[in-house]
Amino acid sequence: MLILGYSVVAYACFLASSVWAVFFLAGGVDHGATVPAWQALAIDGALLLAFAAQHSVMARPAVKRHLTRLIPPAAERSTYVLIASLLLFAQFAFWQPLPAVIWDVDRPWSPAIWVVYAAGWLLVVWSTYMVDHADFLGLRQAWTHLRRLSYAAPTFTERYLYAWLRHPMMLGLLIAFWATPHLSAGHLFFAIAASGYIAVGIRFEERDLRASLGPDYAAYAERVPALVPRHRRRAGAPAR
C-alpha cells in the first residue's frame, strides 16, 4: 500500500507539472521579475540542464539496476516520474524571463497557431495511451506489486501512430515548444534547448531500444521514420 500511495503521489505531481507546462509555454515563460540577460540565461540554462541530466541519467538501464538495489523495483518508475515532476516545478517557478520579442503574430493567424499548440499537447497525452499510460507513469508496477502479481513490461507493438513514426510524443512536444503567436527571447531559448535535448535523448533511447529489442526494432526503424511521418507504400507496390 505504501508503494501504491507513493506512485499515486508521483502521478499527481506529474499531472500538476503537465498542466503547469501547458500554461507556462502559453505565456508564463514571459512572466516574472526580470534580471540582467546574462543572469537569466545562466539560471534558465541551469534549470534546463538539471532536468535534462535527470531525465537522461535515470533512464539508463544501468542506473535503473543500481536504483532498484536501494528501493523496491515497483517504485523505480514512480521515483523517476516524481523527480522529473519536481524538477519541472522548479523550472517553472524559478524561470527568468527574457522579454525581447522575436515574433508577434496577431489575428487572423494567432487563433490557428493556438489550435496547433493545443494539438501538440493532445498528441503528447495520446502517445502515453498508445503504449501503456499506467505503466509509463509507474502506476501499473505498483498495482501489480500490491496484488502480488509478477510484473512484465509491455511488449513491443507497432500500433496507432507508432505505425507511422517512432516518437510521436517527441513530435507533440516539439510542436508545443514552437507553436506560439508570441515568441520572446526567453521562449526561444527554452525551445532551442529543449529541442536539442530531444534530439540527443532520442539517440540514447534508440540505442537502448536496439540493445533490448534487437533485430525487431532495427527492422522497425528501417520502415518507420523517427519524427516526420511519410507516405507508406503498400506491400508489394513498386517503388517510384
Protein backbone atom coordinates (compact mmCIF):
# COMPACT_ATOMS: atom_id res chain seq x y z
CA MET A 1 0.00 0.00 0.00
CA LEU A 2 2.89 2.37 0.71
CA ILE A 3 4.32 1.81 -2.76
CA LEU A 4 0.91 2.32 -4.36
CA GLY A 5 0.37 5.51 -2.36
CA TYR A 6 3.82 6.71 -3.37
CA SER A 7 3.01 6.02 -7.01
CA VAL A 8 -0.28 7.92 -6.78
CA VAL A 9 1.54 10.92 -5.30
CA ALA A 10 4.11 10.78 -8.12
CA TYR A 11 1.31 10.57 -10.68
CA ALA A 12 -0.48 13.56 -9.12
CA CYS A 13 2.76 15.55 -9.32
CA PHE A 14 3.09 14.55 -12.97
CA LEU A 15 -0.45 15.79 -13.72
CA ALA A 16 0.17 19.08 -11.91
CA SER A 17 3.51 19.67 -13.66
CA SER A 18 1.93 18.86 -17.03
CA VAL A 19 -0.87 21.38 -16.54
CA TRP A 20 1.68 23.97 -15.41
CA ALA A 21 3.76 23.23 -18.53
CA VAL A 22 0.78 23.98 -20.77
CA PHE A 23 0.25 27.39 -19.13
CA PHE A 24 3.99 28.07 -18.91
CA LEU A 25 4.52 27.72 -22.65
CA ALA A 26 1.27 29.57 -23.37
CA GLY A 27 2.66 32.72 -21.77
CA GLY A 28 4.07 32.01 -18.32
CA VAL A 29 7.54 31.78 -19.81
CA ASP A 30 7.45 35.58 -20.19
CA HIS A 31 6.10 36.45 -16.73
CA GLY A 32 8.04 37.29 -13.59
CA ALA A 33 10.60 39.78 -12.40
CA THR A 34 13.37 40.42 -14.90
CA VAL A 35 17.08 40.22 -14.13
CA PRO A 36 20.06 41.05 -16.39
CA ALA A 37 20.08 38.89 -19.53
CA TRP A 38 23.32 37.07 -18.66
CA GLN A 39 21.94 36.16 -15.25
CA ALA A 40 18.63 34.98 -16.71
CA LEU A 41 20.44 32.80 -19.24
CA ALA A 42 22.62 31.28 -16.51
CA ILE A 43 19.66 30.48 -14.25
CA ASP A 44 17.46 29.18 -17.06
CA GLY A 45 20.30 27.13 -18.52
CA ALA A 46 20.99 25.53 -15.14
CA LEU A 47 17.30 24.66 -14.70
CA LEU A 48 17.13 23.09 -18.15
CA LEU A 49 20.39 21.22 -17.61
CA ALA A 50 19.19 19.77 -14.28
CA PHE A 51 16.04 18.38 -15.89
CA ALA A 52 17.93 17.02 -18.91
CA ALA A 53 20.54 15.33 -16.70
CA GLN A 54 17.93 13.65 -14.52
CA HIS A 55 15.82 12.60 -17.47
CA SER A 56 18.78 11.05 -19.29
CA VAL A 57 20.75 9.53 -16.41
CA MET A 58 17.82 7.92 -14.60
CA ALA A 59 16.54 6.43 -17.87
CA ARG A 60 19.70 4.41 -18.44
CA PRO A 61 19.32 0.67 -17.74
CA ALA A 62 22.47 0.55 -15.58
CA VAL A 63 21.21 3.36 -13.36
CA LYS A 64 17.85 1.63 -13.03
CA ARG A 65 19.57 -1.54 -11.87
CA HIS A 66 21.56 0.35 -9.23
CA LEU A 67 18.46 2.25 -8.09
CA THR A 68 16.44 -0.92 -7.56
CA ARG A 69 19.08 -2.07 -5.08
CA LEU A 70 18.07 0.89 -2.91
CA ILE A 71 14.31 0.99 -3.45
CA PRO A 72 11.70 -1.64 -4.38
CA PRO A 73 11.64 -2.27 -8.14
CA ALA A 74 7.92 -1.48 -8.17
CA ALA A 75 8.72 2.09 -7.09
CA GLU A 76 11.52 2.73 -9.57
CA ARG A 77 9.40 4.23 -12.36
CA SER A 78 7.38 6.35 -9.92
CA THR A 79 10.62 7.70 -8.47
CA TYR A 80 11.71 8.73 -11.96
CA VAL A 81 8.34 10.42 -12.59
CA LEU A 82 8.33 12.16 -9.20
CA ILE A 83 11.84 13.62 -9.51
CA ALA A 84 11.17 14.76 -13.09
CA SER A 85 7.96 16.46 -11.97
CA LEU A 86 9.67 18.21 -9.04
CA LEU A 87 12.38 19.48 -11.38
CA LEU A 88 9.68 20.83 -13.71
CA PHE A 89 8.08 22.62 -10.74
CA ALA A 90 11.44 24.23 -10.01
CA GLN A 91 11.98 25.13 -13.64
CA PHE A 92 8.65 26.91 -13.98
CA ALA A 93 8.83 28.58 -10.57
CA PHE A 94 12.37 29.94 -10.92
CA TRP A 95 12.44 30.63 -14.67
CA GLN A 96 13.76 34.09 -15.51
CA PRO A 97 12.06 35.77 -18.50
CA LEU A 98 13.87 37.34 -21.43
CA PRO A 99 11.12 39.59 -22.80
CA ALA A 100 12.71 40.75 -26.10
CA VAL A 101 10.24 39.93 -28.89
CA ILE A 102 11.34 37.60 -31.72
CA TRP A 103 7.94 37.47 -33.42
CA ASP A 104 4.42 38.55 -32.59
CA VAL A 105 1.59 37.23 -34.76
CA ASP A 106 -1.85 38.81 -34.47
CA ARG A 107 -5.23 37.86 -35.88
CA PRO A 108 -6.32 36.22 -38.11
CA TRP A 109 -3.38 33.77 -37.75
CA SER A 110 -2.95 33.70 -33.95
CA PRO A 111 -6.04 31.50 -33.26
CA ALA A 112 -4.80 28.95 -35.80
CA ILE A 113 -1.40 28.85 -34.06
CA TRP A 114 -3.11 28.22 -30.71
CA VAL A 115 -5.00 25.31 -32.30
CA VAL A 116 -1.67 23.83 -33.44
CA TYR A 117 -0.30 24.37 -29.92
CA ALA A 118 -3.24 22.50 -28.38
CA ALA A 119 -2.85 19.72 -30.96
CA GLY A 120 0.78 19.27 -29.89
CA TRP A 121 -0.21 18.70 -26.27
CA LEU A 122 -3.06 16.38 -27.27
CA LEU A 123 -0.54 14.33 -29.24
CA VAL A 124 1.72 14.12 -26.17
CA VAL A 125 -1.14 12.85 -23.98
CA TRP A 126 -2.45 10.47 -26.63
CA SER A 127 1.01 8.99 -27.10
CA THR A 128 1.10 7.82 -23.47
CA TYR A 129 -2.08 5.84 -24.07
CA MET A 130 -0.77 4.35 -27.32
CA VAL A 131 1.79 2.46 -25.25
CA ASP A 132 0.52 1.97 -21.69
CA HIS A 133 -0.32 5.12 -19.74
CA ALA A 134 -0.34 3.43 -16.33
CA ASP A 135 2.93 1.61 -16.97
CA PHE A 136 4.63 4.67 -18.46
CA LEU A 137 3.90 6.62 -15.25
CA GLY A 138 4.57 3.89 -12.69
CA LEU A 139 1.03 3.06 -11.58
CA ARG A 140 0.85 -0.40 -13.13
CA GLN A 141 4.08 -1.51 -11.47
CA ALA A 142 2.77 -0.51 -8.03
CA TRP A 143 -0.63 -2.10 -8.65
CA THR A 144 0.79 -5.45 -9.74
CA HIS A 145 3.11 -5.38 -6.71
CA LEU A 146 0.14 -4.76 -4.39
CA ARG A 147 -1.71 -7.70 -5.91
CA ARG A 148 1.44 -9.84 -5.68
CA LEU A 149 1.46 -10.50 -9.39
CA SER A 150 4.59 -10.86 -11.47
CA TYR A 151 5.30 -7.73 -13.47
CA ALA A 152 6.02 -7.90 -17.19
CA ALA A 153 6.92 -4.81 -19.19
CA PRO A 154 4.65 -4.02 -22.15
CA THR A 155 5.64 -5.89 -25.27
CA PHE A 156 6.83 -4.05 -28.36
CA THR A 157 3.88 -3.32 -30.63
CA GLU A 158 3.55 -1.26 -33.78
CA ARG A 159 0.11 0.35 -33.50
CA TYR A 160 -1.71 3.65 -33.88
CA LEU A 161 0.72 6.50 -34.60
CA TYR A 162 3.66 4.24 -33.78
CA ALA A 163 2.98 2.58 -37.12
CA TRP A 164 3.72 5.95 -38.77
CA LEU A 165 6.54 7.37 -36.65
CA ARG A 166 8.72 6.09 -33.84
CA HIS A 167 8.47 9.05 -31.45
CA PRO A 168 5.02 10.68 -31.62
CA MET A 169 5.35 12.05 -28.09
CA MET A 170 8.53 13.89 -29.02
CA LEU A 171 6.83 15.32 -32.09
CA GLY A 172 3.99 16.60 -29.91
CA LEU A 173 6.45 18.26 -27.55
CA LEU A 174 8.32 19.91 -30.41
CA ILE A 175 5.05 21.34 -31.70
CA ALA A 176 4.19 22.64 -28.22
CA PHE A 177 7.63 24.25 -27.85
CA TRP A 178 7.45 26.20 -31.11
CA ALA A 179 3.75 26.82 -31.84
CA THR A 180 3.19 30.25 -30.31
CA PRO A 181 1.95 33.53 -31.79
CA HIS A 182 4.28 35.45 -29.46
CA LEU A 183 7.88 34.28 -29.26
CA SER A 184 10.14 36.04 -26.80
CA ALA A 185 13.88 35.59 -26.43
CA GLY A 186 13.28 33.52 -23.29
CA HIS A 187 10.79 31.27 -25.06
CA LEU A 188 13.22 30.92 -27.96
CA PHE A 189 16.00 29.90 -25.57
CA PHE A 190 13.71 27.30 -23.97
CA ALA A 191 12.55 25.95 -27.35
CA ILE A 192 16.08 25.63 -28.75
CA ALA A 193 17.47 23.99 -25.61
CA ALA A 194 14.52 21.62 -25.19
CA SER A 195 14.54 20.68 -28.89
CA GLY A 196 18.27 19.98 -28.71
CA TYR A 197 17.70 17.77 -25.68
CA ILE A 198 15.01 15.84 -27.54
CA ALA A 199 17.41 15.24 -30.43
CA VAL A 200 20.07 13.91 -28.02
CA GLY A 201 17.52 11.98 -25.94
CA ILE A 202 16.17 10.19 -29.00
CA ARG A 203 19.68 8.97 -29.86
CA PHE A 204 20.12 7.49 -26.36
CA GLU A 205 16.64 5.96 -26.38
CA GLU A 206 17.16 4.45 -29.82
CA ARG A 207 20.42 2.90 -28.67
CA ASP A 208 18.73 1.33 -25.65
CA LEU A 209 15.80 0.07 -27.73
CA ARG A 210 18.08 -1.53 -30.30
CA ALA A 211 20.04 -3.20 -27.50
CA SER A 212 16.93 -4.55 -25.73
CA LEU A 213 14.73 -5.43 -28.73
CA GLY A 214 17.41 -6.38 -31.23
CA PRO A 215 16.52 -7.09 -34.88
CA ASP A 216 12.81 -6.39 -34.34
CA TYR A 217 13.47 -2.76 -33.51
CA ALA A 218 16.16 -2.42 -36.17
CA ALA A 219 13.67 -3.55 -38.81
CA TYR A 220 11.02 -1.23 -37.37
CA ALA A 221 13.44 1.71 -37.52
CA GLU A 222 14.18 0.90 -41.16
CA ARG A 223 10.48 1.09 -42.05
CA VAL A 224 9.21 3.87 -39.82
CA PRO A 225 10.68 7.41 -39.57
CA ALA A 226 11.54 8.93 -36.20
CA LEU A 227 9.54 12.18 -36.15
CA VAL A 228 8.06 13.10 -39.54
CA PRO A 229 5.53 10.61 -40.96
CA ARG A 230 5.81 9.76 -44.61
CA HIS A 231 3.60 8.06 -47.15
CA ARG A 232 3.70 4.30 -46.65
CA ARG A 233 3.80 2.12 -49.76
CA ARG A 234 1.57 -0.89 -49.75
CA ALA A 235 3.36 -4.19 -49.52
CA GLY A 236 4.41 -5.26 -52.99
CA ALA A 237 3.84 -1.84 -54.53
CA PRO A 238 6.64 -0.81 -56.88
CA ALA A 239 8.99 1.94 -55.69
CA ARG A 240 8.84 5.20 -57.64
